[in-house]
Amino acid sequence: MSTVSAIWWMRYKYIVSKLGIDESLDRFATRMLSEFLRSFQLDVHSILHYLEKALRGAVTIVMGAGPSLEHQVRELHALKILNECCIVVADGVARLLRIYNVIPTAIVTDLDGEDGSILELGLRGAVVALHAHGDNIDRIIEWIPRARRYGVRVLGTTQVEPTDNVINIGGFTDGDRALLLTLRFHPRAVILVGMDFGDVVGPYSKPWLHRAMKADERKRVKLDIAKQIIEDAVCSSRSEVYTLSSTDLNCVHRADIHEVLRLLRS
């Protein structure tokens, strides 16, 4: 696998100091996930090739679990847009798409939003980009055997050194990793949905939430980091990136539902 950029290492070291992350546990989780995936006998290159074939040159919707998600998905569904393009989603967004019977191209997750929806959509064809870090070791141990049993295509990701079958795409939260994974394959355009980065956490960010909640300080810091990662990625990308949310993001164009239709049909 490719080496990690110096820019990411500087950012990761900042995140470690800001949030008190244990780097050794991140590395342990990565090695553990790598060994699990080796037992799958999955070819990481074939999964990456599948994603490249699906996303390169395509109009792709990338969904985060912000408070605007539900309304925006309802609008997209009403105009049948969800069935016309590739979709890459963060974690708990899978729960909402399951309700609409929509299978995304990929789900980017560390499993803290898993209620069975990620496994089901993976069984139905979505690639699951599973992230290893020090806080989700138990979830990986519990979830991976079921994914293997059902033949789910799992792409391992990490925020430390990659292995031969676990990649580092440079992201920190599920939302920014979803965008970075998408941009890796040079889509024609990206539409951000449910990417709000405000003081409120949407109900699809965690399985036990039934309504939007005020973000605590740690979550607020994580959202600020994710916002910066997204802005930096978009500003250095050749893909045009739009958002349906009201949040202003550097280098990201504000759009409405009609602009999405125009992009899809142009």
Protein backbone atom coordinates (compact mmCIF):
# COMPACT_ATOMS: atom_id res chain seq x y z
CA MET A 1 0.00 0.00 0.00
CA SER A 2 1.06 3.60 -0.55
CA THR A 3 2.86 5.60 2.12
CA VAL A 4 1.13 8.31 4.14
CA SER A 5 1.69 11.96 3.25
CA ALA A 6 3.63 14.25 5.57
CA ILE A 7 0.61 16.57 5.61
CA TRP A 8 -1.58 13.81 7.05
CA TRP A 9 1.01 12.95 9.71
CA MET A 10 1.10 16.58 10.86
CA ARG A 11 -2.68 16.63 11.03
CA TYR A 12 -2.84 13.27 12.82
CA LYS A 13 -0.31 14.42 15.44
CA TYR A 14 -2.44 17.52 16.04
CA ILE A 15 -5.57 15.36 16.44
CA VAL A 16 -3.73 13.03 18.84
CA SER A 17 -2.70 15.94 21.05
CA LYS A 18 -6.07 17.68 20.83
CA LEU A 19 -8.21 14.63 21.66
CA GLY A 20 -5.83 12.53 23.72
CA ILE A 21 -5.76 9.62 21.26
CA ASP A 22 -3.56 6.60 22.00
CA GLU A 23 -1.48 6.02 18.86
CA SER A 24 -0.43 2.55 20.01
CA LEU A 25 -4.09 1.45 20.18
CA ASP A 26 -4.71 2.83 16.68
CA ARG A 27 -1.81 0.69 15.44
CA PHE A 28 -3.01 -2.37 17.34
CA ALA A 29 -6.52 -1.98 15.87
CA THR A 30 -5.04 -1.66 12.38
CA ARG A 31 -2.97 -4.84 12.73
CA MET A 32 -5.98 -6.69 14.10
CA LEU A 33 -8.22 -5.57 11.24
CA SER A 34 -5.52 -6.52 8.76
CA GLU A 35 -5.36 -10.06 10.15
CA PHE A 36 -9.15 -10.38 10.10
CA LEU A 37 -9.28 -9.24 6.47
CA ARG A 38 -6.51 -11.63 5.52
CA SER A 39 -8.77 -14.46 6.65
CA PHE A 40 -11.44 -13.12 4.25
CA GLN A 41 -9.07 -13.75 1.35
CA LEU A 42 -10.40 -10.55 -0.19
CA ASP A 43 -8.31 -8.71 -2.77
CA VAL A 44 -8.15 -5.06 -1.70
CA HIS A 45 -7.09 -4.10 -5.22
CA SER A 46 -10.23 -5.63 -6.73
CA ILE A 47 -12.40 -3.63 -4.32
CA LEU A 48 -10.55 -0.42 -5.18
CA HIS A 49 -10.93 -1.24 -8.88
CA TYR A 50 -14.68 -1.73 -8.39
CA LEU A 51 -14.98 1.65 -6.68
CA GLU A 52 -12.90 3.35 -9.36
CA LYS A 53 -15.09 1.91 -12.09
CA ALA A 54 -18.22 3.10 -10.28
CA LEU A 55 -17.07 6.58 -9.24
CA ARG A 56 -14.62 7.83 -11.87
CA GLY A 57 -16.30 10.53 -13.95
CA ALA A 58 -19.62 10.06 -12.15
CA VAL A 59 -21.85 12.48 -10.28
CA THR A 60 -21.64 11.15 -6.74
CA ILE A 61 -23.64 12.03 -3.64
CA VAL A 62 -21.68 11.93 -0.37
CA MET A 63 -23.86 11.87 2.74
CA GLY A 64 -23.03 12.82 6.32
CA ALA A 65 -25.30 12.40 9.33
CA GLY A 66 -25.95 16.08 10.04
CA PRO A 67 -29.38 17.42 11.06
CA SER A 68 -30.25 18.44 7.47
CA LEU A 69 -29.84 14.86 6.20
CA GLU A 70 -33.40 13.62 6.57
CA HIS A 71 -35.01 16.58 4.78
CA GLN A 72 -32.48 16.51 1.95
CA VAL A 73 -32.82 12.75 1.42
CA ARG A 74 -36.60 13.12 1.34
CA GLU A 75 -36.27 15.71 -1.45
CA LEU A 76 -33.80 13.57 -3.41
CA HIS A 77 -36.05 10.54 -3.06
CA ALA A 78 -39.14 12.44 -4.21
CA LEU A 79 -37.36 13.37 -7.45
CA LYS A 80 -35.97 9.81 -7.86
CA ILE A 81 -32.42 11.17 -7.76
CA LEU A 82 -31.20 8.51 -5.34
CA ASN A 83 -31.53 5.88 -8.05
CA GLU A 84 -29.68 7.91 -10.70
CA CYS A 85 -26.23 8.30 -9.17
CA CYS A 86 -23.53 6.75 -7.03
CA ILE A 87 -23.86 7.30 -3.28
CA VAL A 88 -21.14 7.12 -0.63
CA VAL A 89 -22.36 7.50 2.95
CA ALA A 90 -21.05 7.88 6.47
CA ASP A 91 -21.90 5.26 9.05
CA GLY A 92 -25.39 5.86 10.52
CA VAL A 93 -26.74 7.26 7.23
CA ALA A 94 -27.10 3.59 6.27
CA ARG A 95 -30.03 3.40 8.69
CA LEU A 96 -31.93 6.06 6.73
CA LEU A 97 -31.12 4.59 3.31
CA ARG A 98 -32.33 1.21 4.52
CA ILE A 99 -35.73 2.81 5.16
CA TYR A 100 -35.78 4.09 1.56
CA ASN A 101 -34.52 0.75 0.22
CA VAL A 102 -31.50 2.46 -1.35
CA ILE A 103 -28.19 0.59 -1.60
CA PRO A 104 -25.19 2.94 -1.62
CA THR A 105 -22.00 2.26 -3.53
CA ALA A 106 -20.02 2.41 -0.28
CA ILE A 107 -20.52 2.91 3.45
CA VAL A 108 -17.64 4.50 5.39
CA THR A 109 -17.81 3.47 9.03
CA ASP A 110 -16.10 2.83 12.33
CA LEU A 111 -19.28 0.95 13.36
CA ASP A 112 -20.45 3.35 16.06
CA GLY A 113 -23.59 3.99 14.01
CA GLU A 114 -24.24 0.31 13.27
CA ASP A 115 -27.67 -1.07 14.16
CA GLY A 116 -27.64 -3.88 11.58
CA SER A 117 -28.20 -1.55 8.62
CA ILE A 118 -24.55 -1.52 7.52
CA LEU A 119 -24.38 -5.31 7.55
CA GLU A 120 -27.65 -5.60 5.61
CA LEU A 121 -26.66 -3.08 2.94
CA GLY A 122 -23.24 -4.72 2.71
CA LEU A 123 -24.96 -8.04 2.13
CA ARG A 124 -26.95 -6.38 -0.65
CA GLY A 125 -23.85 -5.07 -2.42
CA ALA A 126 -22.47 -1.95 -0.72
CA VAL A 127 -18.72 -1.90 -0.10
CA VAL A 128 -18.06 -1.32 3.61
CA ALA A 129 -14.97 0.84 4.20
CA LEU A 130 -14.28 -0.21 7.79
CA HIS A 131 -12.02 2.08 9.82
CA ALA A 132 -9.80 0.76 12.60
CA HIS A 133 -8.89 2.92 15.60
CA GLY A 134 -8.28 2.43 19.28
CA ASP A 135 -11.88 3.01 20.36
CA ASN A 136 -13.62 0.45 18.15
CA ILE A 137 -11.59 -2.72 18.67
CA ASP A 138 -14.46 -4.54 20.41
CA ARG A 139 -16.92 -3.52 17.69
CA ILE A 140 -14.60 -4.86 14.97
CA ILE A 141 -14.17 -8.17 16.81
CA GLU A 142 -17.95 -8.55 17.10
CA TRP A 143 -18.88 -7.38 13.58
CA ILE A 144 -16.21 -8.85 11.30
CA PRO A 145 -17.17 -12.55 11.69
CA ARG A 146 -20.75 -11.75 10.66
CA ALA A 147 -19.54 -9.76 7.67
CA ARG A 148 -17.36 -12.68 6.63
CA ARG A 149 -20.26 -15.13 7.01
CA TYR A 150 -22.41 -13.06 4.65
CA GLY A 151 -19.68 -12.31 2.11
CA VAL A 152 -19.63 -8.54 2.65
CA ARG A 153 -16.90 -6.72 0.71
CA VAL A 154 -14.83 -4.96 3.37
CA LEU A 155 -12.19 -2.33 2.60
CA GLY A 156 -10.01 -1.70 5.64
CA THR A 157 -8.91 1.86 6.48
CA THR A 158 -6.66 3.33 9.16
CA GLN A 159 -5.42 6.68 10.42
CA VAL A 160 -1.88 5.39 11.06
CA GLU A 161 0.56 3.36 8.95
CA PRO A 162 -1.19 1.28 6.24
CA THR A 163 -0.61 -2.44 5.75
CA ASP A 164 -0.75 -4.55 2.61
CA ASN A 165 -4.55 -4.77 2.93
CA VAL A 166 -5.56 -1.73 5.05
CA ILE A 167 -5.26 1.71 3.45
CA ASN A 168 -4.89 5.22 4.85
CA ILE A 169 -6.99 7.69 2.87
CA GLY A 170 -6.21 10.58 5.21
CA GLY A 171 -9.52 11.15 6.99
CA PHE A 172 -10.56 11.25 10.63
CA THR A 173 -14.37 11.13 10.89
CA ASP A 174 -16.67 8.94 8.81
CA GLY A 175 -17.99 11.99 6.97
CA ASP A 176 -14.68 13.40 5.80
CA ARG A 177 -13.38 9.91 4.98
CA ALA A 178 -16.46 9.36 2.80
CA LEU A 179 -15.55 12.43 0.77
CA LEU A 180 -11.83 11.58 0.60
CA LEU A 181 -12.59 8.05 -0.57
CA THR A 182 -14.85 9.48 -3.28
CA LEU A 183 -12.37 12.13 -4.46
CA ARG A 184 -9.67 9.46 -4.73
CA PHE A 185 -11.46 8.20 -7.85
CA HIS A 186 -11.94 11.58 -9.57
CA PRO A 187 -15.73 11.88 -9.92
CA ARG A 188 -17.10 14.49 -12.31
CA ALA A 189 -18.96 16.20 -9.47
CA VAL A 190 -19.77 15.56 -5.82
CA ILE A 191 -22.94 16.62 -4.00
CA LEU A 192 -22.60 16.87 -0.22
CA VAL A 193 -25.77 15.98 1.68
CA GLY A 194 -26.22 16.25 5.45
CA MET A 195 -22.81 17.91 5.88
CA ASP A 196 -23.66 20.69 8.34
CA PHE A 197 -20.76 21.06 10.84
CA GLY A 198 -22.82 23.12 13.26
CA ASP A 199 -23.50 22.78 16.99
CA VAL A 200 -26.20 20.13 16.49
CA VAL A 201 -25.74 16.40 15.94
CA GLY A 202 -28.28 14.71 13.65
CA PRO A 203 -30.39 11.73 14.80
CA TYR A 204 -28.65 9.37 12.37
CA SER A 205 -25.19 9.94 13.83
CA LYS A 206 -25.80 7.36 16.58
CA PRO A 207 -28.30 4.44 16.74
CA TRP A 208 -29.69 5.53 20.10
CA LEU A 209 -30.51 9.08 19.02
CA HIS A 210 -34.12 9.73 18.04
CA ARG A 211 -33.82 13.47 17.51
CA ALA A 212 -31.17 16.09 16.88
CA MET A 213 -29.03 16.90 19.92
CA LYS A 214 -26.58 19.64 20.83
CA ALA A 215 -23.01 18.52 20.17
CA ASP A 216 -20.77 18.15 23.21
CA GLU A 217 -17.34 19.78 23.23
CA ARG A 218 -15.46 16.70 22.02
CA LYS A 219 -17.90 16.23 19.13
CA ARG A 220 -17.61 19.91 18.29
CA VAL A 221 -13.82 19.56 18.01
CA LYS A 222 -14.22 16.49 15.78
CA LEU A 223 -16.63 18.36 13.50
CA ASP A 224 -14.21 21.28 13.22
CA ILE A 225 -11.42 18.87 12.26
CA ALA A 226 -13.65 17.17 9.69
CA LYS A 227 -14.64 20.53 8.20
CA GLN A 228 -10.99 21.53 7.77
CA ILE A 229 -10.11 18.18 6.18
CA ILE A 230 -13.00 18.51 3.73
CA GLU A 231 -12.13 22.09 2.79
CA ASP A 232 -8.48 21.22 2.21
CA ALA A 233 -9.41 18.18 0.11
CA VAL A 234 -11.92 20.05 -2.04
CA CYS A 235 -9.61 23.03 -2.61
CA SER A 236 -6.92 20.70 -3.97
CA SER A 237 -9.30 18.53 -6.03
CA ARG A 238 -10.18 18.85 -9.71
CA SER A 239 -13.71 17.59 -9.05
CA GLU A 240 -16.48 20.16 -8.63
CA VAL A 241 -18.04 19.84 -5.17
CA TYR A 242 -21.46 21.21 -4.19
CA THR A 243 -23.44 21.16 -0.96
CA LEU A 244 -27.17 21.15 -0.27
CA SER A 245 -26.55 22.35 3.29
CA SER A 246 -26.54 25.97 4.41
CA THR A 247 -23.02 25.72 5.88
CA ASP A 248 -20.39 27.67 3.95
CA LEU A 249 -17.33 25.56 3.08
CA ASN A 250 -14.24 26.87 1.31
CA CYS A 251 -14.11 25.84 -2.38
CA VAL A 252 -17.55 24.18 -2.13
CA HIS A 253 -20.45 25.58 -4.18
CA ARG A 254 -23.88 26.01 -2.63
CA ALA A 255 -26.56 24.23 -4.66
CA ASP A 256 -30.25 23.41 -4.56
CA ILE A 257 -32.11 20.33 -5.71
CA HIS A 258 -32.54 21.73 -9.23
CA GLU A 259 -28.77 22.12 -9.59
CA VAL A 260 -28.40 18.45 -8.67
CA LEU A 261 -30.86 17.53 -11.42
CA ARG A 262 -28.95 19.67 -13.90
CA LEU A 263 -25.66 17.98 -13.02
CA LEU A 264 -27.14 14.51 -13.36
CA ARG A 265 -28.71 15.20 -16.72
CA SER A 266 -25.97 17.29 -18.33
